[in-house]
Amino acid sequence: MRCCEGCGKPLPADAAARKRFCSAECERRSYYEGRRDKDHAKEEAEEGIPLREFQCEQCGHWVRVMSKNDRRFRFCSAKCEKAFWKRNKPKAARAAKAPAGRGFGGGYFERCCKWCGKAFGTQSATAKYCCREHKHMALMWKKQNAAEEKKARKRSKYRPFVDGGSD
């Protein structure tokens, strides 16, 4: 059973799934209370009452957040955040003992291209080719020769054992 967000009364059973209030009055009251909360936060900021205080994890500087739009929680500036993450690599990269990659901190892998045989570095654990062209050429070759390979596999699988030494 869902209830009105404004007054707490139960909503009718046939109410739409996104309906949050039992009446327009409750919705209006909730809107104005929200506005009052925002105004109250603005007044507190003007009076010098911080929303939150914390110590920067990089430099140790104490930060007082006065505005609701200020989204800092751990670092005093972008510079400190960048320095922190440069020094403290993500867990996955530390586990792999490799430099951090893009995304969620994957490692760095040395591979050998299956098409040309050249060594290359990658951040993907499953990469087989050094470039997109080699991957495409290998795919095309595989498509063209699939029937021949299938025949060759069948011949080698069911080939009877031949002993050349006995007569």
Protein backbone atom coordinates (compact mmCIF):
# COMPACT_ATOMS: atom_id res chain seq x y z
CA MET A 1 0.00 0.00 0.00
CA ARG A 2 1.51 3.34 -1.08
CA CYS A 3 1.04 6.49 0.96
CA CYS A 4 0.94 10.20 0.16
CA GLU A 5 4.37 11.84 0.55
CA GLY A 6 2.76 15.00 1.90
CA CYS A 7 0.31 13.84 4.59
CA GLY A 8 0.90 10.07 4.83
CA LYS A 9 -2.67 9.04 3.92
CA PRO A 10 -2.97 5.88 1.79
CA LEU A 11 -3.30 6.49 -1.94
CA PRO A 12 -6.27 4.99 -3.81
CA ALA A 13 -5.70 1.51 -5.30
CA ASP A 14 -6.38 2.76 -8.83
CA ALA A 15 -3.82 5.62 -8.54
CA ALA A 16 -1.18 5.85 -11.26
CA ALA A 17 2.21 4.30 -10.49
CA ARG A 18 3.96 7.67 -10.53
CA LYS A 19 1.41 9.46 -8.34
CA ARG A 20 3.06 10.66 -5.12
CA PHE A 21 0.38 12.84 -3.46
CA CYS A 22 -3.28 12.30 -2.57
CA SER A 23 -4.37 15.79 -3.66
CA ALA A 24 -3.19 18.96 -5.34
CA GLU A 25 -3.12 20.65 -1.93
CA CYS A 26 -0.64 18.07 -0.54
CA GLU A 27 1.52 18.44 -3.63
CA ARG A 28 1.51 22.26 -3.35
CA ARG A 29 2.30 22.14 0.39
CA SER A 30 5.21 19.75 -0.23
CA TYR A 31 6.58 21.99 -2.98
CA TYR A 32 6.53 25.09 -0.78
CA GLU A 33 8.09 23.21 2.16
CA GLY A 34 10.91 22.16 -0.15
CA ARG A 35 11.37 25.75 -1.24
CA ARG A 36 11.44 26.80 2.40
CA ASP A 37 14.18 24.21 3.09
CA LYS A 38 16.25 25.62 0.22
CA ASP A 39 15.77 29.16 1.50
CA HIS A 40 16.73 28.00 4.99
CA ALA A 41 19.95 26.44 3.65
CA LYS A 42 20.71 29.71 1.84
CA GLU A 43 20.18 31.68 5.05
CA GLU A 44 22.50 29.34 6.95
CA ALA A 45 25.18 29.81 4.30
CA GLU A 46 24.80 33.57 4.55
CA GLU A 47 25.11 33.35 8.35
CA GLY A 48 28.35 31.38 8.00
CA ILE A 49 27.02 27.98 9.11
CA PRO A 50 28.74 25.30 6.96
CA LEU A 51 26.78 22.40 5.47
CA ARG A 52 29.73 20.06 6.09
CA GLU A 53 33.37 20.20 7.11
CA PHE A 54 36.12 17.75 6.23
CA GLN A 55 39.87 17.43 5.97
CA CYS A 56 41.39 17.04 2.47
CA GLU A 57 42.86 13.54 2.06
CA GLN A 58 45.77 14.85 -0.01
CA CYS A 59 47.03 18.01 1.69
CA GLY A 60 45.24 17.88 5.06
CA HIS A 61 43.63 21.31 4.57
CA TRP A 62 40.29 21.78 6.41
CA VAL A 63 37.41 22.54 4.03
CA ARG A 64 34.12 24.22 4.99
CA VAL A 65 31.39 23.67 2.41
CA MET A 66 28.85 26.50 2.51
CA SER A 67 26.89 25.98 -0.73
CA LYS A 68 24.54 23.13 -1.62
CA ASN A 69 25.98 23.15 -5.14
CA ASP A 70 29.50 22.49 -3.85
CA ARG A 71 29.98 18.73 -4.24
CA ARG A 72 33.35 18.35 -2.53
CA PHE A 73 33.50 15.55 0.04
CA ARG A 74 37.09 14.27 0.11
CA PHE A 75 39.42 16.81 -1.52
CA CYS A 76 39.79 20.59 -1.34
CA SER A 77 40.45 21.00 -5.08
CA ALA A 78 40.69 19.13 -8.37
CA LYS A 79 44.48 19.48 -8.18
CA CYS A 80 44.58 17.61 -4.85
CA GLU A 81 42.24 14.91 -6.14
CA LYS A 82 44.39 14.33 -9.23
CA ALA A 83 47.57 14.15 -7.13
CA PHE A 84 45.92 11.70 -4.72
CA TRP A 85 44.79 9.30 -7.46
CA LYS A 86 48.14 9.56 -9.21
CA ARG A 87 49.86 8.43 -6.01
CA ASN A 88 47.22 5.87 -4.95
CA LYS A 89 46.46 3.76 -7.98
CA PRO A 90 43.15 1.81 -8.07
CA LYS A 91 43.06 -1.60 -6.37
CA ALA A 92 42.84 -3.60 -9.63
CA ALA A 93 45.98 -1.95 -10.98
CA ARG A 94 47.85 -2.56 -7.72
CA ALA A 95 46.80 -6.22 -7.75
CA ALA A 96 48.09 -6.63 -11.31
CA LYS A 97 51.25 -4.66 -10.41
CA ALA A 98 50.78 -2.61 -13.56
CA PRO A 99 50.03 1.02 -14.32
CA ALA A 100 46.37 1.97 -14.16
CA GLY A 101 44.43 1.91 -17.41
CA ARG A 102 41.26 3.61 -18.52
CA GLY A 103 37.87 2.88 -17.00
CA PHE A 104 37.93 1.04 -13.71
CA GLY A 105 41.67 0.76 -13.30
CA GLY A 106 42.54 -2.24 -15.46
CA GLY A 107 46.18 -3.23 -15.90
CA TYR A 108 48.61 -3.17 -18.83
CA PHE A 109 49.29 -6.32 -20.82
CA GLU A 110 52.02 -7.30 -23.29
CA ARG A 111 50.68 -9.37 -26.20
CA CYS A 112 51.84 -10.79 -29.52
CA CYS A 113 49.63 -10.07 -32.58
CA LYS A 114 48.20 -13.29 -34.06
CA TRP A 115 48.25 -11.80 -37.56
CA CYS A 116 51.68 -10.18 -37.90
CA GLY A 117 53.53 -11.55 -34.84
CA LYS A 118 54.55 -8.06 -33.62
CA ALA A 119 54.60 -7.41 -29.84
CA PHE A 120 52.18 -4.74 -28.60
CA GLY A 121 50.92 -3.31 -25.31
CA THR A 122 47.22 -3.17 -24.45
CA GLN A 123 44.85 -2.46 -21.60
CA SER A 124 42.54 -5.30 -22.65
CA ALA A 125 43.04 -8.72 -21.10
CA THR A 126 41.57 -10.41 -24.21
CA ALA A 127 43.23 -8.52 -27.11
CA LYS A 128 44.69 -10.76 -29.84
CA TYR A 129 45.62 -8.27 -32.57
CA CYS A 130 47.75 -5.12 -32.55
CA CYS A 131 45.32 -3.05 -34.64
CA ARG A 132 41.81 -3.02 -36.06
CA GLU A 133 43.02 -3.77 -39.62
CA HIS A 134 44.75 -6.99 -38.55
CA LYS A 135 41.68 -8.08 -36.61
CA HIS A 136 39.51 -7.43 -39.69
CA MET A 137 41.91 -9.27 -42.04
CA ALA A 138 42.00 -12.29 -39.70
CA LEU A 139 38.21 -12.35 -39.56
CA MET A 140 37.93 -12.19 -43.38
CA TRP A 141 40.54 -14.93 -43.80
CA LYS A 142 38.69 -17.11 -41.32
CA LYS A 143 35.39 -16.62 -43.19
CA GLN A 144 36.98 -17.40 -46.56
CA ASN A 145 38.76 -20.54 -45.38
CA ALA A 146 36.12 -21.87 -42.98
CA ALA A 147 34.87 -24.56 -45.40
CA GLU A 148 38.40 -25.79 -46.22
CA GLU A 149 39.36 -25.93 -42.55
CA LYS A 150 36.21 -27.87 -41.75
CA LYS A 151 37.04 -30.46 -44.43
CA ALA A 152 40.63 -30.72 -43.19
CA ARG A 153 39.45 -31.26 -39.61
CA LYS A 154 37.09 -34.02 -40.70
CA ARG A 155 39.83 -35.79 -42.69
CA SER A 156 42.31 -35.69 -39.83
CA LYS A 157 39.75 -36.77 -37.26
CA TYR A 158 38.51 -39.92 -39.04
CA ARG A 159 41.71 -40.88 -40.77
CA PRO A 160 42.52 -44.54 -40.19
CA PHE A 161 45.85 -45.39 -38.61
CA VAL A 162 48.37 -46.30 -41.30
CA ASP A 163 51.36 -48.43 -40.37
CA GLY A 164 53.98 -48.19 -43.09
CA GLY A 165 56.31 -50.81 -41.54
CA SER A 166 54.29 -54.03 -41.88
CA ASP A 167 53.64 -56.01 -45.12
